[in-house]
Protein backbone atom coordinates (compact mmCIF):
# COMPACT_ATOMS: atom_id res chain seq x y z
CA MET A 1 226.09 10.79 34.18
CA SER A 2 225.66 7.10 33.34
CA VAL A 3 222.22 5.60 32.73
CA ALA A 4 221.29 2.67 34.96
CA GLU A 5 221.19 -0.72 33.30
CA PRO A 6 217.51 -1.62 32.64
CA ILE A 7 216.25 -4.46 34.81
CA ILE A 8 214.47 -7.22 32.91
CA VAL A 9 211.26 -7.85 34.87
CA VAL A 10 209.26 -11.04 34.28
CA LEU A 11 205.57 -10.32 34.87
CA GLY A 12 202.78 -12.85 35.26
CA PRO A 13 200.53 -14.45 37.90
CA TRP A 14 201.27 -17.45 40.08
CA CYS A 15 201.38 -20.58 37.89
CA GLY A 16 201.45 -18.34 34.84
CA GLY A 17 204.72 -19.71 33.48
CA THR A 18 206.98 -17.01 34.88
CA SER A 19 209.33 -19.48 36.60
CA ALA A 20 209.98 -21.24 33.31
CA VAL A 21 210.68 -17.94 31.57
CA ALA A 22 212.94 -16.75 34.40
CA LYS A 23 214.90 -20.00 34.20
CA VAL A 24 215.29 -19.53 30.44
CA LEU A 25 216.58 -15.99 31.04
CA HIS A 26 219.03 -17.31 33.62
CA HIS A 27 220.50 -19.66 31.03
CA LEU A 28 220.59 -16.82 28.48
CA GLY A 29 222.82 -14.72 30.73
CA VAL A 30 220.38 -12.72 32.88
CA LEU A 31 221.07 -12.57 36.62
CA MET A 32 217.68 -13.33 38.19
CA GLY A 33 219.08 -13.30 41.72
CA THR A 34 221.92 -14.36 43.97
CA ASP A 35 219.94 -16.75 46.22
CA PHE A 36 216.59 -18.14 45.21
CA ASP A 37 213.38 -18.93 47.07
CA VAL A 38 212.46 -22.59 47.27
CA ALA A 39 209.11 -23.59 45.81
CA VAL A 40 206.87 -26.09 47.58
CA ARG A 41 205.43 -27.56 44.40
CA GLU A 42 206.31 -30.14 41.76
CA LEU A 43 209.11 -28.07 40.22
CA GLU A 44 211.52 -26.94 42.88
CA ASP A 45 212.85 -23.73 41.34
CA THR A 46 211.07 -20.36 41.41
CA TRP A 47 213.98 -18.26 40.12
CA GLU A 48 212.83 -15.53 42.51
CA ASP A 49 215.62 -13.77 44.36
CA SER A 50 215.14 -14.61 48.04
CA ASP A 51 215.62 -11.02 49.26
CA LEU A 52 213.17 -9.72 46.67
CA GLY A 53 210.75 -12.49 47.65
CA ILE A 54 210.90 -11.48 51.31
CA LEU A 55 210.27 -7.86 50.37
CA CYS A 56 207.33 -8.75 48.10
CA ARG A 57 205.71 -10.92 50.75
CA ARG A 58 206.14 -8.14 53.30
CA ALA A 59 204.79 -5.45 51.00
CA PHE A 60 201.83 -7.26 49.42
CA SER A 61 199.24 -9.71 50.69
CA THR A 62 198.93 -13.21 49.25
CA PRO A 63 197.03 -13.99 47.10
CA GLY A 64 195.19 -10.66 46.89
CA ALA A 65 198.34 -8.60 46.23
CA GLN A 66 197.00 -5.73 48.36
CA LEU A 67 199.61 -3.20 49.45
CA GLN A 68 200.30 -3.54 53.18
CA MET A 69 203.42 -1.41 53.56
CA ASP A 70 204.21 2.28 53.65
CA VAL A 71 204.96 3.33 50.05
CA PRO A 72 208.01 5.55 50.75
CA ALA A 73 209.59 2.80 52.85
CA LEU A 74 208.84 0.25 50.15
CA GLN A 75 210.40 2.44 47.47
CA VAL A 76 213.59 2.79 49.52
CA MET A 77 213.82 -0.98 49.94
CA LEU A 78 213.10 -1.60 46.26
CA ARG A 79 215.74 0.93 45.28
CA ASN A 80 218.29 -0.70 47.58
CA TRP A 81 217.52 -4.13 46.14
CA ALA A 82 217.86 -2.84 42.57
CA ASP A 83 221.22 -1.21 43.34
CA LYS A 84 222.48 -4.47 44.82
CA GLN A 85 221.14 -6.49 41.88
CA ARG A 86 222.73 -4.20 39.30
CA ARG A 87 226.08 -4.38 41.08
CA ALA A 88 225.94 -8.17 41.26
CA ALA A 89 224.99 -8.39 37.59
CA HIS A 90 227.84 -6.09 36.61
CA VAL A 91 230.35 -8.22 38.53
CA ALA A 92 228.95 -11.39 36.93
CA GLY A 93 228.95 -9.88 33.45
CA ARG A 94 225.19 -10.43 33.12
CA ARG A 95 222.05 -8.37 32.59
CA PRO A 96 220.02 -7.73 35.78
CA GLY A 97 216.63 -9.42 36.07
CA ALA A 98 213.77 -9.85 38.53
CA LYS A 99 210.67 -11.94 38.92
CA HIS A 100 207.82 -12.24 41.40
CA PRO A 101 204.05 -12.48 40.72
CA VAL A 102 203.09 -9.47 42.87
CA LEU A 103 205.30 -7.22 40.75
CA CYS A 104 202.32 -7.22 38.36
CA VAL A 105 200.59 -4.72 40.67
CA ALA A 106 203.76 -2.73 41.32
CA VAL A 107 204.87 -1.67 37.84
CA GLU A 108 204.61 2.06 38.59
CA LEU A 109 206.44 1.59 41.89
CA LEU A 110 209.19 -0.28 40.05
CA ARG A 111 209.61 2.50 37.52
CA GLU A 112 209.99 5.06 40.29
CA ALA A 113 212.30 2.94 42.45
CA TRP A 114 214.30 1.04 39.85
CA GLY A 115 214.48 3.45 36.96
CA PRO A 116 214.52 1.80 33.53
CA ILE A 117 212.91 -1.63 33.27
CA VAL A 118 212.21 -4.02 30.41
CA PRO A 119 208.86 -5.76 31.03
CA VAL A 120 208.74 -9.38 29.87
CA VAL A 121 205.04 -10.27 29.87
CA VAL A 122 204.26 -13.98 30.16
CA ASP A 123 200.90 -14.86 28.64
CA ARG A 124 198.96 -17.96 29.62
CA PRO A 125 195.17 -18.49 29.41
CA THR A 126 193.51 -17.78 32.74
CA GLU A 127 191.70 -21.11 32.77
CA LYS A 128 195.03 -22.96 32.51
CA VAL A 129 196.58 -20.84 35.24
CA VAL A 130 193.63 -21.59 37.52
CA ALA A 131 193.74 -25.30 36.64
CA SER A 132 197.37 -25.41 37.81
CA LEU A 133 196.50 -23.55 41.01
CA ASN A 134 193.60 -25.95 41.61
CA ARG A 135 195.89 -28.94 41.19
CA LEU A 136 198.33 -27.51 43.71
CA GLY A 137 195.50 -26.62 46.09
CA TRP A 138 196.82 -23.13 46.68
CA TRP A 139 194.62 -20.73 48.65
CA LYS A 140 191.06 -21.07 49.78
CA ASP A 141 189.07 -22.06 46.71
CA GLU A 142 188.81 -21.69 42.95
CA GLN A 143 187.07 -18.32 43.18
CA GLU A 144 189.99 -16.87 45.12
CA ARG A 145 192.41 -18.32 42.57
CA VAL A 146 190.45 -16.81 39.69
CA GLU A 147 190.18 -13.40 41.37
CA SER A 148 193.89 -13.31 42.22
CA THR A 149 194.89 -14.27 38.68
CA GLN A 150 192.56 -11.76 37.08
CA ARG A 151 193.68 -8.97 39.40
CA LEU A 152 197.36 -9.53 38.69
CA ILE A 153 196.88 -9.73 34.93
CA ALA A 154 194.58 -6.70 34.81
CA ALA A 155 196.92 -4.56 36.93
CA ARG A 156 199.93 -5.56 34.83
CA ASP A 157 198.24 -4.93 31.49
CA GLN A 158 196.79 -1.60 32.60
CA ALA A 159 200.17 -0.36 33.82
CA LEU A 160 201.83 -1.38 30.54
CA ILE A 161 199.10 -0.21 28.17
CA ASP A 162 201.29 2.45 26.53
CA SER A 163 204.66 0.81 27.14
CA PRO A 164 206.84 -1.35 24.91
CA THR A 165 206.97 -4.93 26.16
CA VAL A 166 208.50 -8.26 25.28
CA ARG A 167 205.84 -10.99 25.33
CA VAL A 168 206.26 -14.72 25.79
CA ASP A 169 203.43 -17.19 25.15
CA PHE A 170 203.96 -19.88 27.77
CA GLU A 171 202.11 -22.57 25.84
CA GLU A 172 204.22 -21.81 22.77
CA LEU A 173 207.36 -21.91 24.92
CA ARG A 174 206.50 -25.42 26.07
CA ALA A 175 205.46 -26.60 22.59
CA THR A 176 208.31 -25.10 20.53
CA PRO A 177 210.92 -23.85 22.99
CA ALA A 178 213.67 -23.20 20.44
CA VAL A 179 211.49 -20.83 18.42
CA ALA A 180 210.15 -18.95 21.45
CA ILE A 181 213.57 -18.67 23.10
CA ARG A 182 215.33 -17.45 19.97
CA ARG A 183 212.72 -14.72 19.57
CA LEU A 184 213.01 -13.78 23.26
CA ALA A 185 216.80 -13.49 23.04
CA ASP A 186 216.56 -11.36 19.90
CA GLU A 187 213.94 -8.99 21.35
CA LEU A 188 216.03 -8.49 24.49
CA ASN A 189 219.22 -8.03 22.45
CA LEU A 190 220.92 -10.81 24.38
CA ASP A 191 224.22 -11.97 22.92
CA VAL A 192 224.03 -15.70 23.67
CA THR A 193 226.31 -18.56 22.82
CA GLU A 194 225.04 -21.79 21.30
CA GLU A 195 225.68 -23.53 24.62
CA GLN A 196 223.58 -20.96 26.50
CA PHE A 197 220.82 -21.30 23.93
CA GLN A 198 220.76 -25.10 24.17
CA ASN A 199 220.80 -24.98 27.97
CA ALA A 200 217.83 -22.61 27.87
CA VAL A 201 215.94 -24.89 25.47
CA ASN A 202 216.71 -27.97 27.57
CA SER A 203 215.50 -26.20 30.72
CA VAL A 204 211.92 -26.03 29.45
CA VAL A 205 209.80 -28.87 30.82
CA GLY A 206 207.15 -29.94 28.34
CA LYS A 207 203.63 -30.98 29.28
CA GLN A 208 204.47 -34.64 28.86
CA ASN A 209 207.33 -34.37 31.35
CA MET A 210 205.48 -32.50 34.08
CA PRO A 211 205.60 -34.54 37.31
CA ARG A 212 202.26 -35.69 38.66
CA GLY A 213 201.28 -37.02 42.05
CA VAL A 214 204.50 -35.88 43.72
CA ASP A 215 204.34 -34.90 47.39
CA PRO A 216 206.12 -31.52 47.19
CA HIS A 217 206.86 -31.45 50.91
CA GLN A 218 208.43 -34.88 50.89
CA GLN A 219 210.41 -33.87 47.83
CA LEU A 220 211.97 -31.00 49.77
CA ILE A 221 212.61 -33.19 52.79
CA ASP A 222 214.36 -35.74 50.60
CA GLN A 223 216.48 -32.93 49.18
CA TYR A 224 217.50 -31.18 52.41
CA LEU A 225 217.62 -33.95 55.01
CA PRO A 226 220.85 -35.45 53.56
CA ARG A 227 222.42 -31.99 53.61
CA VAL A 228 221.64 -31.57 57.30
CA GLU A 229 222.88 -35.06 58.09
CA ASN A 230 226.11 -34.19 56.28
CA ASP A 231 226.37 -30.71 57.86
CA PRO A 232 224.25 -30.28 61.03
CA ASP A 233 225.15 -26.57 61.15
CA ASP A 234 223.70 -25.80 57.69
CA SER A 235 221.20 -23.22 58.97
CA LEU A 236 219.39 -22.74 55.65
CA SER A 237 218.72 -26.46 55.23
CA VAL A 238 217.68 -26.79 58.89
CA HIS A 239 215.33 -23.84 58.48
CA LEU A 240 213.77 -25.32 55.34
CA LEU A 241 213.36 -28.71 57.02
CA ALA A 242 211.66 -27.18 60.07
CA GLN A 243 209.32 -25.18 57.87
CA THR A 244 208.56 -28.09 55.53
CA TYR A 245 207.89 -30.55 58.33
CA PHE A 246 205.49 -28.02 59.85
CA LEU A 247 203.63 -27.61 56.55
CA LYS A 248 203.53 -31.41 56.23
CA LYS A 249 201.99 -31.52 59.74
CA ASP A 250 204.88 -33.59 61.07
CA PHE A 251 204.98 -31.49 64.21
CA ALA A 252 207.48 -33.61 66.12
CA ASN A 253 210.14 -33.04 63.47
CA ALA A 254 209.07 -29.42 63.01
CA ARG A 255 209.73 -28.86 66.71
CA LYS A 256 213.02 -30.79 66.57
CA TYR A 257 214.50 -28.81 63.69
CA SER A 258 213.17 -25.48 64.99
CA GLU A 259 214.99 -26.13 68.26
CA ARG A 260 218.10 -27.04 66.28
CA LEU A 261 217.85 -23.79 64.33
CA ILE A 262 217.92 -21.81 67.58
CA GLU A 263 220.96 -23.77 68.73
CA ILE A 264 222.82 -22.92 65.50
CA GLY A 265 221.98 -19.24 65.79
CA VAL A 266 220.14 -17.22 63.14
CA GLU A 267 218.82 -13.71 62.57
CA ASP A 268 216.37 -12.44 65.19
CA GLU A 269 213.29 -12.65 62.95
CA ASP A 270 214.13 -16.22 61.94
CA GLU A 271 214.67 -17.17 65.58
CA PHE A 272 211.33 -15.63 66.53
CA PHE A 273 209.51 -17.73 63.95
CA ALA A 274 211.43 -20.81 65.09
CA ARG A 275 210.22 -20.15 68.65
CA LEU A 276 206.68 -19.53 67.42
CA ARG A 277 206.79 -22.75 65.36
CA ILE A 278 207.94 -24.66 68.46
CA ALA A 279 204.91 -23.41 70.40
CA GLN A 280 202.53 -24.19 67.53
CA SER A 281 204.03 -27.66 67.14
CA MET A 282 203.66 -28.32 70.87
CA GLU A 283 200.03 -27.23 70.65
CA ASN A 284 199.38 -29.67 67.81
CA LEU A 285 201.20 -32.43 69.70
CA ASP A 286 198.73 -32.01 72.61
CA VAL A 287 201.42 -30.95 75.05
CA ALA A 288 200.02 -29.67 78.38
CA TRP A 289 198.53 -26.22 77.84
CA LEU A 290 200.64 -24.44 80.46
CA ASP A 291 203.78 -25.63 78.69
CA VAL A 292 202.39 -24.51 75.33
CA GLN A 293 201.44 -21.13 76.76
CA ASP A 294 204.91 -20.77 78.24
CA ALA A 295 206.44 -21.49 74.82
CA TYR A 296 204.28 -18.78 73.24
CA LEU A 297 205.25 -16.31 75.95
CA LYS A 298 208.93 -17.09 75.43
CA ALA A 299 208.48 -16.34 71.72
CA TRP A 300 206.89 -12.98 72.59
CA GLU A 301 209.56 -12.26 75.20
CA PHE A 302 212.23 -12.80 72.55
CA ARG A 303 210.56 -10.34 70.15
CA PRO A 304 208.01 -8.22 72.04
CA ASN A 305 206.90 -6.23 68.99
CA ARG A 306 205.15 -9.30 67.58
CA ALA A 307 201.47 -10.04 68.20
CA GLU A 308 201.39 -13.66 67.01
CA PRO A 309 202.11 -15.29 70.41
CA PHE A 310 199.40 -13.28 72.18
CA PHE A 311 196.93 -14.05 69.39
CA HIS A 312 197.49 -17.80 69.60
CA ILE A 313 197.19 -17.72 73.39
CA ALA A 314 193.92 -15.77 73.08
CA ARG A 315 192.58 -18.20 70.48
CA ASN A 316 193.27 -21.17 72.76
CA LEU A 317 191.84 -19.52 75.86
CA ARG A 318 188.68 -18.59 74.00
CA ALA A 319 188.33 -22.20 72.80
CA GLN A 320 188.69 -23.30 76.44
CA GLY A 321 185.89 -20.94 77.46
CA ARG A 322 188.28 -18.75 79.48
CA TYR A 323 186.95 -15.55 77.97
CA ARG A 324 188.33 -13.03 80.45
CA LEU A 325 191.92 -14.13 79.96
CA GLY A 326 191.27 -14.61 76.26
CA TYR A 327 190.03 -11.03 76.05
CA LEU A 328 193.15 -9.67 77.76
CA PHE A 329 195.54 -11.49 75.41
CA ALA A 330 193.43 -10.69 72.34
CA LYS A 331 193.45 -7.00 73.24
CA LEU A 332 197.22 -7.08 73.71
CA ALA A 333 197.54 -8.57 70.22
CA ALA A 334 194.98 -6.24 68.64
CA ASP A 335 196.68 -3.15 70.07
CA MET A 336 200.00 -4.04 68.41
CA PRO A 337 200.62 -2.35 65.06
CA LEU A 338 202.12 -4.20 62.13
CA PRO A 339 205.85 -4.17 62.99
CA ALA A 340 207.20 -1.66 60.50
CA GLY A 341 210.82 -2.74 60.79
CA ASP A 342 210.21 -6.48 60.39
CA MET A 343 210.41 -8.08 56.96
CA ILE A 344 208.70 -11.41 57.65
CA ILE A 345 204.95 -11.10 58.19
CA ASN A 346 203.44 -14.51 57.46
CA ASP A 347 199.92 -13.54 58.52
CA PRO A 348 199.25 -9.82 58.00
CA ALA A 349 195.53 -10.52 58.52
CA LEU A 350 196.33 -11.22 62.17
CA TYR A 351 197.40 -7.60 62.60
CA ALA A 352 194.68 -6.21 60.33
CA TRP A 353 191.62 -7.94 61.78
CA ARG A 354 192.00 -11.44 63.24
CA ALA A 355 193.21 -10.32 66.68
CA LEU A 356 190.46 -7.70 66.81
CA ASP A 357 187.97 -10.42 65.89
CA GLU A 358 189.13 -12.54 68.84
CA GLN A 359 188.76 -9.53 71.13
CA ALA A 360 185.21 -8.91 69.87
CA VAL A 361 184.17 -12.54 70.40
CA CYS A 362 185.55 -12.60 73.94
CA ALA A 363 183.95 -9.23 74.75
CA SER A 364 180.60 -10.59 73.59
CA GLN A 365 180.93 -13.68 75.78
CA LEU A 366 181.75 -11.43 78.74
CA GLY A 367 178.58 -9.38 78.19
CA GLN A 368 180.53 -6.30 77.08
CA HIS A 369 177.97 -5.71 74.35
CA ALA A 370 178.73 -2.11 73.47
CA GLU A 371 182.42 -2.89 73.02
CA SER A 372 181.77 -6.07 71.06
CA PHE A 373 179.30 -4.21 68.84
CA ALA A 374 181.76 -1.38 68.17
CA LEU A 375 184.61 -3.80 67.44
CA CYS A 376 182.49 -5.83 65.01
CA ARG A 377 181.43 -2.68 63.17
CA ARG A 378 185.04 -1.54 63.02
CA LEU A 379 185.93 -4.90 61.49
CA LEU A 380 183.11 -4.75 58.97
CA GLN A 381 184.43 -1.45 57.61
CA GLN A 382 187.69 -3.11 56.57
CA ASP A 383 188.20 -4.16 52.97
CA GLY A 384 190.41 -7.23 53.37
CA ILE A 385 188.05 -9.57 55.24
CA PRO A 386 186.86 -12.67 53.31
CA ASP A 387 183.09 -12.74 52.87
CA GLU A 388 182.57 -15.89 54.96
CA HIS A 389 184.28 -14.17 57.90
CA ARG A 390 182.42 -10.94 57.15
CA ASP A 391 179.06 -12.71 57.52
CA ARG A 392 180.18 -14.39 60.74
CA ILE A 393 181.33 -11.05 62.16
CA ALA A 394 178.01 -9.47 61.13
CA ALA A 395 176.17 -12.26 62.95
CA ASN A 396 178.33 -11.69 66.04
CA ARG A 397 177.57 -8.00 65.81
CA ASP A 398 173.84 -8.79 65.78
CA LEU A 399 174.17 -10.69 69.06
CA ALA A 400 174.81 -7.33 70.73
CA ALA A 401 171.91 -5.60 68.97
CA PRO A 402 169.25 -6.23 71.68
CA ALA A 403 171.43 -4.57 74.32
CA MET A 404 172.23 -1.70 71.96
CA LEU A 405 168.54 -1.35 71.16
CA GLU A 406 167.62 -0.99 74.81
CA ALA A 407 170.30 1.66 75.28
CA SER A 408 169.13 3.61 72.22
CA LYS A 409 165.55 3.87 73.55
CA GLN A 410 166.63 5.77 76.66
CA TYR A 411 165.61 9.42 76.82
CA PRO A 412 168.68 11.60 76.01
CA GLU A 413 167.94 14.38 78.46
CA ALA A 414 171.20 16.32 78.06
CA LEU A 415 171.06 16.18 74.26
CA VAL A 416 167.43 17.31 74.24
CA ARG A 417 168.40 20.27 76.40
CA ASP A 418 171.23 21.19 74.01
CA LEU A 419 169.03 20.90 70.93
CA THR A 420 166.28 22.96 72.54
CA GLY A 421 168.65 25.84 73.17
CA ALA A 422 170.51 25.59 69.86
CA GLN A 423 170.37 28.42 67.32
CA ARG A 424 169.23 27.12 63.92
CA ASP A 425 169.06 29.96 61.42
CA PHE A 426 169.62 27.83 58.31
CA VAL A 427 167.93 24.54 57.54
CA GLU A 428 170.04 22.25 55.33
CA VAL A 429 169.05 18.95 56.96
CA THR A 430 165.60 17.88 58.13
CA ILE A 431 164.71 14.76 60.11
CA SER A 432 161.06 13.81 60.04
CA THR A 433 158.77 11.11 61.35
CA VAL A 434 155.06 10.44 61.47
CA ALA A 435 153.39 10.35 64.87
CA GLY A 436 152.90 6.76 65.98
CA ARG A 437 149.90 5.13 67.55
CA THR A 438 151.01 6.33 70.98
CA PRO A 439 153.37 9.03 72.25
CA ALA A 440 155.55 6.26 73.68
CA GLU A 441 156.05 4.71 70.22
CA THR A 442 156.99 8.06 68.70
CA GLU A 443 159.26 8.88 71.62
CA ALA A 444 161.10 5.56 71.26
CA THR A 445 161.78 6.30 67.59
CA LEU A 446 162.96 9.84 68.36
CA ASN A 447 165.13 8.67 71.27
CA SER A 448 166.83 6.08 69.08
CA VAL A 449 167.54 8.59 66.31
CA LEU A 450 168.94 11.15 68.73
CA ASN A 451 171.07 8.61 70.59
CA CYS A 452 172.50 7.03 67.44
CA CYS A 453 172.90 9.97 65.06
CA ARG A 454 176.23 11.24 66.33
CA ASP A 455 176.21 14.23 63.99
CA VAL A 456 172.68 15.31 64.87
CA ALA A 457 174.04 18.84 65.41
CA TYR A 458 173.90 19.25 61.61
CA VAL A 459 170.11 18.88 61.67
CA GLY A 460 168.31 22.20 61.25
CA ARG A 461 164.74 21.00 61.74
CA PHE A 462 163.01 18.10 63.50
CA LEU A 463 159.56 17.54 62.05
CA VAL A 464 156.64 15.38 63.21
CA PHE A 465 153.67 14.83 60.93
CA ASP A 466 150.41 14.27 62.79
CA HIS A 467 146.68 14.96 62.57
CA GLY A 468 146.59 18.23 64.46
CA ASP A 469 146.48 19.37 68.07
CA SER A 470 145.97 16.48 70.45
CA PRO A 471 147.05 15.29 73.88
CA ASP A 472 149.73 13.21 72.12
CA ARG A 473 151.23 16.32 70.54
CA THR A 474 151.27 18.02 73.94
CA VAL A 475 153.16 15.10 75.50
CA LEU A 476 155.73 15.04 72.70
CA ARG A 477 156.20 18.81 72.72
CA HIS A 478 156.88 18.66 76.44
CA ARG A 479 159.47 15.91 76.00
CA PHE A 480 161.07 17.40 72.85
CA PRO A 481 160.55 21.18 72.83
CA PHE A 482 162.59 21.60 69.61
CA LEU A 483 160.07 19.60 67.52
CA ASP A 484 158.02 21.24 64.77
CA PHE A 485 154.59 19.71 64.18
CA VAL A 486 152.81 19.73 60.83
CA GLU A 487 149.27 18.55 60.33
CA CYS A 488 149.17 16.19 57.38
CA PRO A 489 146.27 13.92 56.41
CA PRO A 490 146.90 10.24 55.61
CA GLY A 491 148.39 9.98 52.13
CA GLY A 492 149.35 13.66 52.14
CA ASP A 493 152.49 14.90 50.38
CA LEU A 494 155.22 15.13 52.99
CA ARG A 495 157.77 16.59 50.58
CA GLU A 496 156.06 19.97 50.35
CA HIS A 497 156.79 20.59 54.02
CA ILE A 498 160.53 19.92 53.77
CA GLN A 499 163.03 22.76 53.69
CA GLY A 500 166.68 22.38 52.83
CA ARG A 501 168.48 19.90 50.65
CA TYR A 502 168.71 16.76 52.81
CA TRP A 503 165.73 14.96 54.30
CA LEU A 504 166.02 11.92 56.55
CA HIS A 505 162.61 10.32 57.07
CA VAL A 506 161.93 7.64 59.68
CA ASP A 507 158.48 6.05 59.86
CA PRO A 508 156.95 5.30 63.28
CA GLY A 509 158.02 2.08 64.95
CA TRP A 510 161.57 2.15 63.60
CA LEU A 511 164.37 2.04 66.14
CA PHE A 512 168.02 2.86 65.45
CA PHE A 513 170.57 0.94 67.50
CA ALA A 514 173.95 1.64 65.85
CA PRO A 515 175.72 4.94 66.63
CA ASP A 516 177.07 6.51 63.44
CA ASN A 517 177.55 9.80 61.59
CA TYR A 518 174.48 9.21 59.44
CA ILE A 519 174.13 12.75 58.08
CA THR A 520 177.80 13.00 57.15
CA ARG A 521 177.99 9.53 55.61
CA ILE A 522 174.87 9.78 53.50
CA ALA A 523 175.61 13.33 52.34
CA ALA A 524 179.03 12.03 51.26
CA VAL A 525 177.33 9.25 49.27
CA PHE A 526 175.26 11.88 47.46
CA ASN A 527 178.44 13.81 46.77
CA ALA A 528 180.10 10.69 45.33
CA GLU A 529 177.09 9.50 43.30
CA PRO A 530 175.52 12.28 41.18
CA HIS A 531 172.60 10.09 40.01
CA VAL A 532 171.54 8.86 43.47
CA PHE A 533 168.62 10.70 45.11
CA GLN A 534 167.82 8.30 47.98
CA VAL A 535 170.13 6.43 50.35
CA GLY A 536 168.55 3.78 52.56
CA VAL A 537 169.95 3.32 56.04
CA ASN A 538 169.66 -0.48 56.05
CA PHE A 539 171.49 -2.82 53.71
CA ALA A 540 168.96 -4.55 51.42
CA ASP A 541 166.25 -2.40 53.08
CA ALA A 542 166.00 -5.00 55.84
CA THR A 543 163.48 -4.63 58.65
CA THR A 544 165.06 -7.18 61.00
CA LEU A 545 168.52 -8.47 61.85
CA THR A 546 169.94 -10.52 58.99
CA GLY A 547 173.44 -11.43 60.15
CA ALA A 548 174.75 -10.06 56.86
CA SER A 549 177.00 -7.30 55.63
CA ALA A 550 177.44 -6.25 52.03
CA SER A 551 179.97 -8.35 50.12
CA GLU A 552 183.20 -6.47 49.48
CA LYS A 553 182.93 -7.00 45.73
CA ASN A 554 179.61 -5.10 45.68
CA VAL A 555 180.48 -2.11 47.85
CA ARG A 556 181.78 1.30 46.98
CA ARG A 557 183.74 3.74 49.07
CA ALA A 558 184.46 7.44 48.89
CA GLN A 559 185.59 10.09 51.34
CA ASN A 560 183.47 9.96 54.54
CA THR A 561 180.99 7.44 53.08
CA GLY A 562 182.15 4.24 54.68
CA ARG A 563 180.92 1.24 52.71
CA TYR A 564 177.75 1.58 50.63
CA VAL A 565 175.94 -0.25 47.85
CA ILE A 566 174.23 0.95 44.68
CA THR A 567 170.81 -0.63 44.14
CA ASP A 568 167.93 -0.36 41.68
CA VAL A 569 165.25 -0.61 44.39
CA MET A 570 163.93 2.35 46.37
CA ALA A 571 164.04 1.84 50.14
CA ASP A 572 160.81 1.66 52.14
CA GLY A 573 162.59 1.89 55.49
CA PRO A 574 164.48 4.87 56.95
CA ALA A 575 166.23 6.77 54.18
CA MET A 576 167.66 10.17 53.38
CA PHE A 577 166.77 12.09 50.23
CA ASP A 578 168.59 14.72 48.26
CA THR A 579 165.48 16.83 47.68
CA GLU A 580 166.92 18.68 44.69
CA ARG A 581 167.49 15.38 42.90
CA LEU A 582 164.22 13.94 44.19
CA ASP A 583 162.31 16.76 42.51
CA ARG A 584 163.88 16.03 39.12
CA ALA A 585 164.15 12.24 39.38
CA ASP A 586 163.84 10.32 36.12
CA GLU A 587 164.57 6.88 34.67
CA ASN A 588 168.31 7.47 35.08
CA SER A 589 168.05 8.10 38.80
CA MET A 590 169.60 5.58 41.17
CA PHE A 591 169.37 4.47 44.79
CA ALA A 592 171.89 3.36 47.38
CA THR A 593 172.01 1.89 50.87
CA LEU A 594 174.60 1.70 53.59
CA ASP A 595 176.30 -1.67 54.06
CA GLU A 596 174.78 -2.92 57.33
CA VAL A 597 171.47 -3.28 59.14
CA LEU A 598 171.51 -0.30 61.49
CA CYS A 599 167.88 0.04 62.59
CA LEU A 600 164.90 -2.27 63.14
CA ASN A 601 161.14 -2.23 63.01
CA PRO A 602 160.14 -4.66 65.78
CA ALA A 603 156.53 -4.59 64.60
CA ASP A 604 157.48 -6.24 61.28
C-alpha cells in the first residue's frame, strides 16, 4: 500500500507573510493550487487555491475563524480536495501544497482528512501583522485584528507543539531572500534548479518595493476590464468586475456586470449572488422600493433555500417603519437554517443571529413583548455576537422588561395548587425570602419567583422568615399553603434553618421577570466551578436594568450553565448558595453571577 505524498501546508495569519512564502514555494516546484483566489489588496496574488478558499470561507468565519460547518462533512470535502490536489501535483511533477490563514485552526482536521502534512510555519511579529491589517483597513477595528491574529497563531502553535515543522521568518525572507529560500528548499528536500531558485528569490518583494497608496479595487478593475472588453463571455473576469465594482460602491457598474454574468450563464450559487447583488445595487441607487423588493424576491425565487433576500427586505421594511411586514420577512429569514449544501456563505452571521435580531426588533415595535424578550435572550446566549451588538440587544431586551415584570407578578394559581399537593420527601433545594413590609410585597416576590423559575419542581422547601404569628402570616399561608414559616429576629442567622445543599435566597422587594431554569443553571455552575460557593442571579449584582450583558471574552460556559461570569465580589441581591461550600468558605473561595439582569428591586 503506497503512502500518500505529504502536503506542504503554509500556516500563518492574514498579512503574516504566507502569500510571499507560498509564491516562493510555487517557484520552487510546489503546486499550491490549480486556480488561485484574487486578493483585493496591494499585491494581487494570494497563492490560495480557489476551491480550497471557497471551502475555508464556508467552514470558518472571518476573521474569527470559528467553525461553522458540520465536521464530518468538512472532513469529506477536505479529503476530496486533497485527493484532487495530489493527483494534479503528480501529473505536474510537483509536490502538493496548500495555504489559507484559517488552516491555522484546522491542523488536527487536516491531519485526519489529508493524512501526512509538512507544516511550514511563517513567523512575523504580531505588531507588524496588525500594522499591515490596519493599513488595509480589514475588519472592524484594531482590537478585532489583534484578536484574530493572536487566535490563529495560538491555535497553530498549540496544534504543532510536539510536531516537526519548517519555519520561515518573514522579515528575514524580505531582508535576505536568498539565504532564507535556500534553507527552506533544503529543509523541505526540494530538488530545485538554479532558474527555479532565482525565480523564487526574485519573487520576494522587499519593504522598499511595497506599493503604497494604491486603490486595490481600481487595480483589479484595470486588470480585468480589458479582458472583458476583449472577451465579453469571460465569466470569471465579468464576475470579478461585478464583485469589485460593488465593493468600490460603483453600484451602476456592479448591477451592469451582474446582469451580464446572468446572461453568460454560471453555476447556480454564482447566479444567486449575482441576482442578490443586482437587488443590493438597485437599493443603493435609490431605485423605487417596489422594484428593489421585486429584485430581492426574484433572487429568493431562484434559490429558495437562501435567507439573504428575505433579510434585506425585512431590514428595509423595518427602516420604513412597516414593522408588521418587516416581522414576517424577518421570521422567514430567521427560520431558514444555514444551507448545508451551499459552499458560498458570505454572511454566516445573517443565519446565526442577524435575521433573528431583525425579528426581535420588529416584534418589540409591534408590542409583542414576550416574544421580543425571548428572542433577545436567545440571541444573548450566542457566542459569536460582537459586544457592541450584544449591548444593543440587551438594551432592546430591557424594553420588554416592564411588560414581563407585570406578567411575573400575577398569582400563579395552577402552579400553587400543584406545589401544594406535591410530595416532597427529600429537600435538596430551598428557596427562602424574608417577609416584606406588607403581605402584598411578599406575595409579589413569591409570584415572580414561581412564574419565572421554570424548574421550580426541583425545590423541596419554600421558606419565609418572619417575626412570628401575625395576620400577615395568615394571609400568606392562605395564598401559598406550601410555605414553611420560621420566626427569625432581625440579624438572625438564616443559614441554620436551611436544609439540603442548595439555597436560593431572595430578599423582599425583589421581582424576577425573566423565565429561566435557575436551579438547573446555577447548580451546573457549582458543578463546573469547585471553588464557587455563591452564584448571583444578576450580572454585576445589578438592582435595576442596565442594558448590558456580559462581554463574551469574560464569560464561561459549561453543560447546562448558559453564560456566567466569575467575580471576586459577593452578591447582595438574589443568589444561590452551595451550603456545603458556604460552611467551609475560605480565602480561596470564589463567586459567580449569571450573564444578564434577570430580576429587579424597584425600591432601589
